[in-house]
N, C-alpha and C. Protein backbone atom coordinates (compact mmCIF):
# COMPACT_ATOMS: atom_id res chain seq x y z
N UNK A 1 228.70 216.57 66.78
CA UNK A 1 229.20 216.73 68.12
C UNK A 1 230.54 216.02 68.28
N UNK A 2 230.57 214.73 68.02
CA UNK A 2 231.78 213.94 68.22
C UNK A 2 232.90 214.39 67.28
N UNK A 3 232.52 214.83 66.09
CA UNK A 3 233.50 215.26 65.10
C UNK A 3 234.28 216.48 65.56
N UNK A 4 233.69 217.30 66.42
CA UNK A 4 234.41 218.47 66.93
C UNK A 4 235.41 218.08 68.02
N UNK A 5 235.20 216.96 68.67
CA UNK A 5 236.13 216.49 69.70
C UNK A 5 237.23 215.60 69.13
N UNK A 6 236.84 214.76 68.18
CA UNK A 6 237.78 213.80 67.58
C UNK A 6 237.84 214.11 66.09
N UNK A 7 238.97 214.60 65.64
CA UNK A 7 239.06 215.06 64.25
C UNK A 7 239.28 213.93 63.25
N UNK A 8 239.71 212.78 63.70
CA UNK A 8 239.94 211.66 62.79
C UNK A 8 238.63 210.91 62.54
N UNK A 9 238.15 210.97 61.30
CA UNK A 9 236.92 210.24 60.95
C UNK A 9 237.13 208.73 61.10
N UNK A 10 238.33 208.28 60.80
CA UNK A 10 238.64 206.85 60.93
C UNK A 10 238.55 206.43 62.39
N UNK A 11 239.05 207.25 63.30
CA UNK A 11 239.00 206.91 64.73
C UNK A 11 237.55 206.86 65.21
N UNK A 12 236.73 207.78 64.75
CA UNK A 12 235.32 207.77 65.13
C UNK A 12 234.65 206.49 64.65
N UNK A 13 234.93 206.10 63.40
CA UNK A 13 234.35 204.86 62.87
C UNK A 13 234.77 203.66 63.72
N UNK A 14 236.04 203.63 64.10
CA UNK A 14 236.54 202.51 64.90
C UNK A 14 235.93 202.52 66.31
N UNK A 15 235.78 203.69 66.90
CA UNK A 15 235.13 203.77 68.21
C UNK A 15 233.70 203.25 68.13
N UNK A 16 232.97 203.68 67.11
CA UNK A 16 231.60 203.19 66.93
C UNK A 16 231.59 201.68 66.73
N UNK A 17 232.50 201.20 65.92
CA UNK A 17 232.57 199.76 65.61
C UNK A 17 232.78 198.93 66.87
N UNK A 18 233.75 199.34 67.67
CA UNK A 18 234.14 198.51 68.80
C UNK A 18 233.44 198.85 70.12
N UNK A 19 232.98 200.09 70.29
CA UNK A 19 232.46 200.49 71.60
C UNK A 19 230.94 200.54 71.68
N UNK A 20 230.23 200.56 70.56
CA UNK A 20 228.77 200.47 70.64
C UNK A 20 228.38 199.06 71.07
N UNK A 21 228.99 198.08 70.44
CA UNK A 21 228.75 196.68 70.80
C UNK A 21 230.10 196.06 71.09
N UNK A 22 230.44 195.93 72.35
CA UNK A 22 231.78 195.51 72.75
C UNK A 22 232.12 194.07 72.39
N UNK A 23 231.15 193.30 71.93
CA UNK A 23 231.46 191.93 71.51
C UNK A 23 231.97 191.89 70.07
N UNK A 24 231.93 193.03 69.38
CA UNK A 24 232.39 193.10 68.00
C UNK A 24 233.89 192.86 67.92
N UNK A 25 234.28 192.03 66.97
CA UNK A 25 235.69 191.82 66.68
C UNK A 25 235.92 192.05 65.20
N UNK A 26 237.13 192.45 64.86
CA UNK A 26 237.46 192.64 63.45
C UNK A 26 238.97 192.70 63.29
N UNK A 27 239.40 192.61 62.05
CA UNK A 27 240.83 192.66 61.76
C UNK A 27 241.09 193.71 60.68
N UNK A 28 242.35 194.04 60.49
CA UNK A 28 242.78 195.16 59.67
C UNK A 28 242.18 195.17 58.26
N UNK A 29 242.37 194.14 57.50
CA UNK A 29 241.90 194.13 56.09
C UNK A 29 240.38 194.21 56.00
N UNK A 30 239.70 193.56 56.92
CA UNK A 30 238.24 193.62 56.94
C UNK A 30 237.77 195.05 57.20
N UNK A 31 238.41 195.74 58.13
CA UNK A 31 238.06 197.13 58.44
C UNK A 31 238.36 198.05 57.26
N UNK A 32 239.51 197.83 56.61
CA UNK A 32 239.87 198.66 55.45
C UNK A 32 238.85 198.49 54.33
N UNK A 33 238.42 197.26 54.09
CA UNK A 33 237.41 197.02 53.06
C UNK A 33 236.06 197.61 53.45
N UNK A 34 235.70 197.46 54.71
CA UNK A 34 234.42 197.96 55.22
C UNK A 34 234.31 199.48 55.09
N UNK A 35 235.40 200.18 55.41
CA UNK A 35 235.38 201.63 55.40
C UNK A 35 235.90 202.25 54.10
N UNK A 36 236.42 201.41 53.20
CA UNK A 36 236.95 201.93 51.93
C UNK A 36 238.16 202.82 52.15
N UNK A 37 238.97 202.49 53.13
CA UNK A 37 240.16 203.27 53.44
C UNK A 37 241.39 202.39 53.31
N UNK A 38 242.54 203.02 53.26
CA UNK A 38 243.79 202.26 53.13
C UNK A 38 244.07 201.50 54.42
N UNK A 39 244.74 200.38 54.27
CA UNK A 39 245.10 199.59 55.45
C UNK A 39 246.03 200.39 56.35
N UNK A 40 246.85 201.25 55.77
CA UNK A 40 247.77 202.05 56.58
C UNK A 40 247.02 203.01 57.50
N UNK A 41 246.00 203.69 56.98
CA UNK A 41 245.22 204.62 57.79
C UNK A 41 244.53 203.89 58.95
N UNK A 42 243.99 202.72 58.65
CA UNK A 42 243.33 201.92 59.69
C UNK A 42 244.37 201.42 60.70
N UNK A 43 245.50 200.93 60.20
CA UNK A 43 246.55 200.39 61.07
C UNK A 43 247.03 201.45 62.07
N UNK A 44 247.25 202.67 61.60
CA UNK A 44 247.72 203.74 62.48
C UNK A 44 246.74 203.95 63.63
N UNK A 45 245.46 204.04 63.32
CA UNK A 45 244.44 204.25 64.36
C UNK A 45 244.33 203.05 65.30
N UNK A 46 244.35 201.85 64.74
CA UNK A 46 244.29 200.65 65.58
C UNK A 46 245.47 200.60 66.55
N UNK A 47 246.66 200.92 66.03
CA UNK A 47 247.86 200.91 66.89
C UNK A 47 247.76 201.95 68.01
N UNK A 48 247.26 203.16 67.67
CA UNK A 48 247.09 204.19 68.71
C UNK A 48 246.11 203.72 69.78
N UNK A 49 245.00 203.16 69.33
CA UNK A 49 243.97 202.73 70.28
C UNK A 49 244.43 201.53 71.11
N UNK A 50 245.19 200.63 70.50
CA UNK A 50 245.71 199.49 71.24
C UNK A 50 246.77 199.95 72.25
N UNK A 51 247.64 200.86 71.83
CA UNK A 51 248.68 201.37 72.72
C UNK A 51 248.05 202.10 73.92
N UNK A 52 246.93 202.79 73.69
CA UNK A 52 246.23 203.49 74.77
C UNK A 52 245.44 202.52 75.66
N UNK A 53 245.37 201.26 75.25
CA UNK A 53 244.65 200.26 76.04
C UNK A 53 243.16 200.20 75.76
N UNK A 54 242.68 200.97 74.79
CA UNK A 54 241.26 200.97 74.45
C UNK A 54 240.86 199.69 73.72
N UNK A 55 241.79 199.15 72.93
CA UNK A 55 241.54 197.92 72.20
C UNK A 55 242.50 196.85 72.70
N UNK A 56 242.05 195.62 72.62
CA UNK A 56 242.92 194.50 72.88
C UNK A 56 242.93 193.65 71.62
N UNK A 57 243.98 192.87 71.45
CA UNK A 57 244.07 192.07 70.24
C UNK A 57 244.53 190.66 70.57
N UNK A 58 244.25 189.77 69.64
CA UNK A 58 244.74 188.40 69.74
C UNK A 58 245.01 187.93 68.31
N UNK A 59 245.87 186.96 68.19
CA UNK A 59 246.20 186.40 66.88
C UNK A 59 245.29 185.20 66.64
N UNK A 60 244.61 185.22 65.51
CA UNK A 60 243.74 184.11 65.10
C UNK A 60 244.19 183.70 63.70
N UNK A 61 244.89 182.59 63.63
CA UNK A 61 245.47 182.19 62.34
C UNK A 61 246.57 183.16 61.99
N UNK A 62 246.44 183.80 60.83
CA UNK A 62 247.44 184.79 60.43
C UNK A 62 246.89 186.22 60.55
N UNK A 63 245.82 186.38 61.32
CA UNK A 63 245.18 187.70 61.47
C UNK A 63 245.26 188.18 62.91
N UNK A 64 245.45 189.47 63.05
CA UNK A 64 245.40 190.11 64.36
C UNK A 64 243.98 190.66 64.52
N UNK A 65 243.23 190.09 65.46
CA UNK A 65 241.83 190.44 65.65
C UNK A 65 241.72 191.40 66.84
N UNK A 66 240.98 192.49 66.62
CA UNK A 66 240.82 193.53 67.63
C UNK A 66 239.43 193.50 68.24
N UNK A 67 239.37 193.95 69.50
CA UNK A 67 238.10 194.05 70.23
C UNK A 67 238.27 195.13 71.30
N UNK A 68 237.16 195.77 71.68
CA UNK A 68 237.20 196.78 72.75
C UNK A 68 237.69 196.14 74.04
N UNK A 69 238.47 196.88 74.78
CA UNK A 69 238.94 196.43 76.09
C UNK A 69 237.94 196.90 77.14
N UNK A 70 237.05 196.01 77.53
CA UNK A 70 236.00 196.35 78.50
C UNK A 70 236.56 196.68 79.88
N UNK A 71 237.80 196.32 80.13
CA UNK A 71 238.42 196.59 81.44
C UNK A 71 239.05 197.97 81.50
N UNK A 72 239.13 198.67 80.37
CA UNK A 72 239.73 200.00 80.36
C UNK A 72 238.89 200.94 81.23
N UNK A 73 239.53 201.79 82.03
CA UNK A 73 238.77 202.67 82.92
C UNK A 73 237.79 203.62 82.20
N UNK A 74 238.04 203.92 80.95
CA UNK A 74 237.16 204.82 80.20
C UNK A 74 236.12 204.09 79.34
N UNK A 75 236.12 202.75 79.38
CA UNK A 75 235.20 202.01 78.51
C UNK A 75 233.76 202.47 78.67
N UNK A 76 233.25 202.50 79.90
CA UNK A 76 231.85 202.88 80.13
C UNK A 76 231.57 204.30 79.69
N UNK A 77 232.50 205.20 79.93
CA UNK A 77 232.31 206.60 79.53
C UNK A 77 232.27 206.73 78.00
N UNK A 78 233.15 206.03 77.31
CA UNK A 78 233.16 206.08 75.84
C UNK A 78 231.87 205.46 75.30
N UNK A 79 231.45 204.35 75.88
CA UNK A 79 230.22 203.69 75.45
C UNK A 79 229.03 204.64 75.61
N UNK A 80 228.91 205.29 76.75
CA UNK A 80 227.81 206.24 76.99
C UNK A 80 227.88 207.43 76.03
N UNK A 81 229.09 207.92 75.77
CA UNK A 81 229.27 209.03 74.82
C UNK A 81 228.78 208.64 73.43
N UNK A 82 229.08 207.42 73.02
CA UNK A 82 228.65 206.95 71.70
C UNK A 82 227.14 206.72 71.65
N UNK A 83 226.56 206.25 72.74
CA UNK A 83 225.10 206.12 72.80
C UNK A 83 224.45 207.49 72.66
N UNK A 84 225.05 208.48 73.29
CA UNK A 84 224.53 209.85 73.20
C UNK A 84 224.73 210.39 71.78
N UNK A 85 225.90 210.16 71.20
CA UNK A 85 226.21 210.62 69.84
C UNK A 85 225.22 210.04 68.81
N UNK A 86 224.89 208.79 68.95
CA UNK A 86 224.00 208.13 67.99
C UNK A 86 222.53 208.38 68.29
N UNK A 87 222.22 208.81 69.51
CA UNK A 87 220.83 209.05 69.88
C UNK A 87 220.18 207.85 70.54
N UNK A 88 220.91 206.77 70.68
CA UNK A 88 220.34 205.56 71.28
C UNK A 88 219.97 205.81 72.73
N UNK A 89 220.68 206.70 73.41
CA UNK A 89 220.33 207.02 74.80
C UNK A 89 218.92 207.62 74.88
N UNK A 90 218.55 208.44 73.88
CA UNK A 90 217.19 209.01 73.85
C UNK A 90 216.14 207.94 73.57
N UNK A 91 216.49 206.97 72.75
CA UNK A 91 215.56 205.88 72.47
C UNK A 91 215.28 205.12 73.77
N UNK A 92 216.31 204.87 74.54
CA UNK A 92 216.14 204.17 75.81
C UNK A 92 215.28 205.00 76.75
N UNK A 93 215.63 206.28 76.91
CA UNK A 93 214.91 207.15 77.85
C UNK A 93 213.46 207.40 77.43
N UNK A 94 213.25 207.68 76.14
CA UNK A 94 211.93 208.15 75.69
C UNK A 94 211.01 207.06 75.16
N UNK A 95 211.54 205.94 74.78
CA UNK A 95 210.69 204.89 74.23
C UNK A 95 210.68 203.68 75.14
N UNK A 96 211.80 203.07 75.29
CA UNK A 96 211.90 201.78 75.97
C UNK A 96 211.41 201.82 77.41
N UNK A 97 211.87 202.78 78.18
CA UNK A 97 211.51 202.80 79.61
C UNK A 97 210.07 203.23 79.85
N UNK A 98 209.42 203.84 78.86
CA UNK A 98 208.04 204.29 79.03
C UNK A 98 207.01 203.32 78.46
N UNK A 99 207.45 202.25 77.87
CA UNK A 99 206.57 201.34 77.18
C UNK A 99 206.18 200.17 78.07
N UNK A 100 204.91 200.01 78.34
CA UNK A 100 204.43 198.89 79.15
C UNK A 100 204.42 197.59 78.36
N UNK A 101 204.48 196.48 79.04
CA UNK A 101 204.42 195.17 78.40
C UNK A 101 205.72 194.74 77.76
N UNK A 102 206.78 195.50 77.97
CA UNK A 102 208.06 195.21 77.33
C UNK A 102 208.92 194.34 78.25
N UNK A 103 209.48 193.29 77.69
CA UNK A 103 210.39 192.41 78.44
C UNK A 103 211.84 192.81 78.21
N UNK A 104 212.19 193.08 76.94
CA UNK A 104 213.56 193.49 76.61
C UNK A 104 213.56 194.23 75.27
N UNK A 105 214.65 194.94 75.02
CA UNK A 105 214.78 195.69 73.78
C UNK A 105 216.21 195.56 73.28
N UNK A 106 216.36 195.35 71.98
CA UNK A 106 217.66 195.17 71.34
C UNK A 106 217.80 196.14 70.18
N UNK A 107 219.03 196.58 69.94
CA UNK A 107 219.36 197.28 68.71
C UNK A 107 219.88 196.21 67.76
N UNK A 108 219.37 196.20 66.54
CA UNK A 108 219.84 195.26 65.53
C UNK A 108 220.33 196.06 64.32
N UNK A 109 220.68 195.38 63.27
CA UNK A 109 221.08 196.08 62.05
C UNK A 109 222.44 196.73 62.15
N UNK A 110 222.61 197.84 61.42
CA UNK A 110 223.91 198.51 61.31
C UNK A 110 224.49 198.94 62.64
N UNK A 111 223.68 199.54 63.50
CA UNK A 111 224.20 200.00 64.79
C UNK A 111 224.73 198.86 65.63
N UNK A 112 224.07 197.73 65.60
CA UNK A 112 224.52 196.58 66.38
C UNK A 112 225.87 196.08 65.88
N UNK A 113 226.14 196.31 64.60
CA UNK A 113 227.43 195.92 64.03
C UNK A 113 228.47 197.04 64.12
N UNK A 114 228.08 198.17 64.75
CA UNK A 114 229.03 199.25 64.96
C UNK A 114 229.13 200.25 63.84
N UNK A 115 228.09 200.38 63.03
CA UNK A 115 228.09 201.35 61.93
C UNK A 115 227.09 202.46 62.21
N UNK A 116 227.51 203.68 61.98
CA UNK A 116 226.58 204.79 62.11
C UNK A 116 225.61 204.72 60.94
N UNK A 117 224.36 205.07 61.17
CA UNK A 117 223.33 204.93 60.15
C UNK A 117 222.23 205.93 60.44
N UNK A 118 221.52 206.40 59.42
CA UNK A 118 220.42 207.34 59.68
C UNK A 118 219.18 206.68 60.29
N UNK A 119 219.19 205.36 60.40
CA UNK A 119 218.04 204.65 60.98
C UNK A 119 218.52 203.71 62.07
N UNK A 120 217.73 203.62 63.13
CA UNK A 120 218.00 202.69 64.23
C UNK A 120 216.96 201.58 64.16
N UNK A 121 217.43 200.34 64.14
CA UNK A 121 216.54 199.18 64.11
C UNK A 121 216.42 198.61 65.51
N UNK A 122 215.18 198.49 65.98
CA UNK A 122 214.91 197.96 67.32
C UNK A 122 214.15 196.65 67.23
N UNK A 123 214.49 195.74 68.11
CA UNK A 123 213.73 194.51 68.30
C UNK A 123 213.14 194.63 69.70
N UNK A 124 211.81 194.75 69.78
CA UNK A 124 211.11 194.90 71.05
C UNK A 124 210.46 193.58 71.41
N UNK A 125 210.77 193.08 72.59
CA UNK A 125 210.27 191.78 73.03
C UNK A 125 209.26 191.99 74.14
N UNK A 126 208.04 191.51 73.91
CA UNK A 126 207.03 191.64 74.95
C UNK A 126 205.65 191.27 74.45
N UNK A 127 204.72 191.27 75.35
CA UNK A 127 203.33 190.97 75.05
C UNK A 127 202.47 192.13 75.52
N UNK A 128 201.44 192.44 74.77
CA UNK A 128 200.53 193.49 75.17
C UNK A 128 201.09 194.89 75.03
N UNK A 129 202.04 195.08 74.12
CA UNK A 129 202.61 196.41 73.89
C UNK A 129 201.58 197.26 73.17
N UNK A 130 201.32 198.44 73.70
CA UNK A 130 200.37 199.38 73.10
C UNK A 130 201.03 200.02 71.88
N UNK A 131 200.66 199.55 70.69
CA UNK A 131 201.30 200.01 69.45
C UNK A 131 201.03 201.48 69.16
N UNK A 132 199.87 201.95 69.52
CA UNK A 132 199.55 203.37 69.28
C UNK A 132 200.45 204.26 70.14
N UNK A 133 200.60 203.90 71.39
CA UNK A 133 201.46 204.65 72.30
C UNK A 133 202.92 204.54 71.84
N UNK A 134 203.32 203.35 71.39
CA UNK A 134 204.67 203.14 70.87
C UNK A 134 204.95 204.10 69.72
N UNK A 135 204.00 204.23 68.80
CA UNK A 135 204.19 205.14 67.66
C UNK A 135 204.36 206.58 68.14
N UNK A 136 203.62 206.99 69.14
CA UNK A 136 203.76 208.35 69.68
C UNK A 136 205.16 208.55 70.28
N UNK A 137 205.62 207.56 71.04
CA UNK A 137 206.95 207.64 71.65
C UNK A 137 208.04 207.67 70.58
N UNK A 138 207.90 206.85 69.54
CA UNK A 138 208.90 206.80 68.49
C UNK A 138 208.94 208.12 67.71
N UNK A 139 207.78 208.68 67.41
CA UNK A 139 207.74 209.96 66.70
C UNK A 139 208.48 211.04 67.49
N UNK A 140 208.26 211.09 68.79
CA UNK A 140 208.95 212.08 69.64
C UNK A 140 210.45 211.84 69.63
N UNK A 141 210.86 210.58 69.79
CA UNK A 141 212.28 210.26 69.82
C UNK A 141 212.95 210.57 68.48
N UNK A 142 212.27 210.29 67.37
CA UNK A 142 212.84 210.57 66.04
C UNK A 142 213.12 212.06 65.87
N UNK A 143 212.24 212.89 66.37
CA UNK A 143 212.45 214.34 66.27
C UNK A 143 213.65 214.76 67.10
N UNK A 144 213.81 214.18 68.27
CA UNK A 144 214.91 214.55 69.16
C UNK A 144 216.26 214.13 68.57
N UNK A 145 216.33 212.91 68.01
CA UNK A 145 217.62 212.38 67.57
C UNK A 145 217.89 212.57 66.07
N UNK A 146 216.90 213.06 65.34
CA UNK A 146 217.04 213.26 63.88
C UNK A 146 217.46 211.99 63.16
N UNK A 147 216.89 210.90 63.55
CA UNK A 147 217.09 209.60 62.90
C UNK A 147 215.74 208.91 62.86
N UNK A 148 215.56 208.03 61.89
CA UNK A 148 214.33 207.25 61.89
C UNK A 148 214.54 206.00 62.74
N UNK A 149 213.45 205.52 63.30
CA UNK A 149 213.50 204.33 64.15
C UNK A 149 212.56 203.29 63.54
N UNK A 150 213.13 202.14 63.21
CA UNK A 150 212.34 201.03 62.70
C UNK A 150 212.26 199.99 63.82
N UNK A 151 211.10 199.38 63.98
CA UNK A 151 210.98 198.43 65.07
C UNK A 151 210.23 197.18 64.62
N UNK A 152 210.52 196.11 65.34
CA UNK A 152 209.82 194.84 65.18
C UNK A 152 209.43 194.40 66.58
N UNK A 153 208.19 194.00 66.75
CA UNK A 153 207.72 193.50 68.04
C UNK A 153 207.57 191.99 67.94
N UNK A 154 208.16 191.29 68.90
CA UNK A 154 208.07 189.83 68.93
C UNK A 154 207.76 189.38 70.36
N UNK A 155 207.25 188.16 70.45
CA UNK A 155 207.01 187.57 71.77
C UNK A 155 208.32 187.03 72.32
N UNK A 156 208.34 186.73 73.60
CA UNK A 156 209.55 186.19 74.22
C UNK A 156 209.95 184.87 73.55
N UNK A 157 208.95 184.09 73.15
CA UNK A 157 209.23 182.79 72.52
C UNK A 157 209.92 182.97 71.17
N UNK A 158 209.58 183.99 70.43
CA UNK A 158 210.16 184.23 69.10
C UNK A 158 211.57 184.81 69.18
N UNK A 159 211.94 185.31 70.32
CA UNK A 159 213.22 186.01 70.48
C UNK A 159 214.41 185.12 70.18
N UNK A 160 214.42 183.91 70.67
CA UNK A 160 215.57 183.02 70.52
C UNK A 160 215.93 182.85 69.05
N UNK A 161 214.96 182.54 68.23
CA UNK A 161 215.22 182.34 66.80
C UNK A 161 215.72 183.63 66.15
N UNK A 162 215.12 184.75 66.49
CA UNK A 162 215.53 186.02 65.89
C UNK A 162 216.94 186.42 66.33
N UNK A 163 217.29 186.15 67.57
CA UNK A 163 218.63 186.49 68.03
C UNK A 163 219.69 185.58 67.42
N UNK A 164 219.31 184.34 67.11
CA UNK A 164 220.24 183.45 66.41
C UNK A 164 220.52 183.98 65.01
N UNK A 165 219.51 184.57 64.37
CA UNK A 165 219.68 185.15 63.04
C UNK A 165 220.39 186.50 63.11
N UNK A 166 220.44 187.10 64.29
CA UNK A 166 221.02 188.42 64.51
C UNK A 166 222.08 188.34 65.60
N UNK A 167 223.22 187.68 65.38
CA UNK A 167 224.19 187.47 66.45
C UNK A 167 224.78 188.77 67.00
N UNK A 168 224.72 189.86 66.22
CA UNK A 168 225.29 191.13 66.69
C UNK A 168 224.29 191.96 67.49
N UNK A 169 223.09 191.44 67.70
CA UNK A 169 222.07 192.21 68.42
C UNK A 169 222.62 192.71 69.74
N UNK A 170 222.34 193.97 70.03
CA UNK A 170 222.86 194.63 71.22
C UNK A 170 221.72 194.86 72.20
N UNK A 171 221.80 194.20 73.36
CA UNK A 171 220.77 194.36 74.39
C UNK A 171 220.82 195.78 74.93
N UNK A 172 219.70 196.49 74.81
CA UNK A 172 219.59 197.87 75.32
C UNK A 172 219.00 197.91 76.71
N UNK A 173 218.01 197.08 76.91
CA UNK A 173 217.23 197.16 78.14
C UNK A 173 216.58 195.81 78.39
N UNK A 174 216.51 195.43 79.65
CA UNK A 174 215.83 194.19 80.01
C UNK A 174 215.10 194.41 81.32
N UNK A 175 213.89 193.91 81.39
CA UNK A 175 213.07 194.04 82.59
C UNK A 175 213.73 193.23 83.70
N UNK A 176 213.80 193.82 84.88
CA UNK A 176 214.40 193.14 86.02
C UNK A 176 213.30 192.74 87.01
N UNK A 177 213.66 191.92 87.96
CA UNK A 177 212.68 191.49 88.97
C UNK A 177 212.16 192.68 89.76
N UNK A 178 213.00 193.68 89.99
CA UNK A 178 212.58 194.87 90.72
C UNK A 178 211.46 195.58 89.95
N UNK A 179 211.58 195.62 88.61
CA UNK A 179 210.57 196.27 87.80
C UNK A 179 209.25 195.50 87.79
N UNK A 180 209.29 194.21 88.07
CA UNK A 180 208.07 193.41 88.13
C UNK A 180 207.20 193.80 89.31
N UNK A 181 207.82 194.24 90.39
CA UNK A 181 207.10 194.48 91.64
C UNK A 181 206.35 195.79 91.61
């Protein structure tokens, strides 16, 4: 889907990198090594995206570090488009919001670091989660998004340690006080 709208594969990779998890930062040589592409190809795309205001940069030592510009008027739209492209929006709609006993849900692994992957890793935080029902929801979502979903269930107490080990974890959903009532 996205490939028909944006013909540059490098630009798609950069959008995924920076807009799936807006806290992600990176610099030119790191991106070139990560994607196995020339620094020039990456530089051209970074410059276009920075000039358009989609990315912001700062100098850290001798490196220019890039990050998504959350203040850009299209940030939320691009983020939602990428959630739809990756299928994460279906995971939220079909699994997370229908699962009782859930306190919060995070994407971890490759997607949290901004990489497209055939599998989505979820960290589900809660007590009393019906695992049988969860498996039914995941099977349905996997068929819809054509990706496998791996999950780990932890208690709220275990979350802090796991999130420290997973600094790129992307919060998908969190129970609010309204949902408690």
